[in-house]
């Protein structure tokens, strides 16, 4: 029974990882790791600030369809 539970947990973890990748959740985690690796003294944006800037960049890019309507 334990191997089956282990495989189920592993499948759940992979599904969770994929879901986070598809909806962009990992973008903030990667940003924080990158920012802290270059200079730990630099203020890291909050998630809200990061997401606002990300949306603004996406909306400003005509390739992303931000200029619609």
Protein backbone atom coordinates (compact mmCIF):
# COMPACT_ATOMS: atom_id res chain seq x y z
CA UNK A 1 0.00 0.00 0.00
CA UNK A 2 2.87 2.40 0.77
CA UNK A 3 4.32 2.35 -2.79
CA UNK A 4 0.90 3.21 -4.21
CA UNK A 5 0.54 6.13 -1.81
CA UNK A 6 4.02 7.30 -2.70
CA UNK A 7 3.21 7.23 -6.42
CA UNK A 8 -0.04 9.09 -5.78
CA UNK A 9 1.78 11.81 -3.85
CA UNK A 10 4.39 12.11 -6.58
CA UNK A 11 1.70 12.43 -9.24
CA UNK A 12 -0.06 15.08 -7.17
CA UNK A 13 3.18 17.03 -6.74
CA UNK A 14 3.85 16.92 -10.48
CA UNK A 15 0.29 18.04 -11.26
CA UNK A 16 0.63 20.92 -8.77
CA UNK A 17 3.95 21.95 -10.34
CA UNK A 18 2.42 21.88 -13.83
CA UNK A 19 -0.58 23.92 -12.73
CA UNK A 20 1.71 26.56 -11.17
CA UNK A 21 3.82 26.69 -14.34
CA UNK A 22 0.79 27.10 -16.59
CA UNK A 23 -0.77 29.94 -14.61
CA UNK A 24 2.50 31.81 -13.98
CA UNK A 25 2.78 31.24 -10.23
CA UNK A 26 6.43 30.21 -10.52
CA UNK A 27 7.32 33.54 -12.14
CA UNK A 28 7.34 35.31 -8.77
CA UNK A 29 9.36 32.54 -7.11
CA UNK A 30 11.95 32.74 -9.90
CA UNK A 31 12.04 36.55 -9.64
CA UNK A 32 12.69 36.43 -5.87
CA UNK A 33 15.44 33.82 -6.21
CA UNK A 34 17.07 35.80 -9.03
CA UNK A 35 16.86 39.14 -7.21
CA UNK A 36 18.31 37.75 -3.99
CA UNK A 37 21.12 35.91 -5.77
CA UNK A 38 22.43 39.13 -7.34
CA UNK A 39 22.26 41.42 -4.32
CA UNK A 40 20.64 40.38 -1.03
CA UNK A 41 20.35 44.04 0.02
CA UNK A 42 18.01 44.94 -2.84
CA UNK A 43 14.37 45.29 -1.86
CA UNK A 44 12.33 42.52 -3.45
CA UNK A 45 8.93 43.53 -4.82
CA UNK A 46 5.89 42.19 -3.03
CA UNK A 47 3.84 39.68 -4.96
CA UNK A 48 1.21 42.35 -5.65
CA UNK A 49 3.80 44.81 -6.99
CA UNK A 50 5.36 42.09 -9.11
CA UNK A 51 2.02 41.00 -10.56
CA UNK A 52 0.97 44.60 -11.28
CA UNK A 53 4.20 45.24 -13.18
CA UNK A 54 3.87 41.93 -15.00
CA UNK A 55 0.33 42.76 -16.13
CA UNK A 56 1.37 46.27 -17.16
CA UNK A 57 4.23 44.87 -19.27
CA UNK A 58 1.92 42.32 -20.86
CA UNK A 59 -0.71 44.96 -21.63
CA UNK A 60 1.88 47.26 -23.19
CA UNK A 61 3.17 44.54 -25.53
CA UNK A 62 1.15 44.44 -28.77
CA UNK A 63 2.21 40.82 -29.35
CA UNK A 64 0.28 39.84 -26.21
CA UNK A 65 -2.95 41.37 -27.47
CA UNK A 66 -3.04 44.06 -24.77
CA UNK A 67 -4.19 46.78 -27.16
CA UNK A 68 -7.48 45.08 -27.92
CA UNK A 69 -10.76 46.97 -28.11
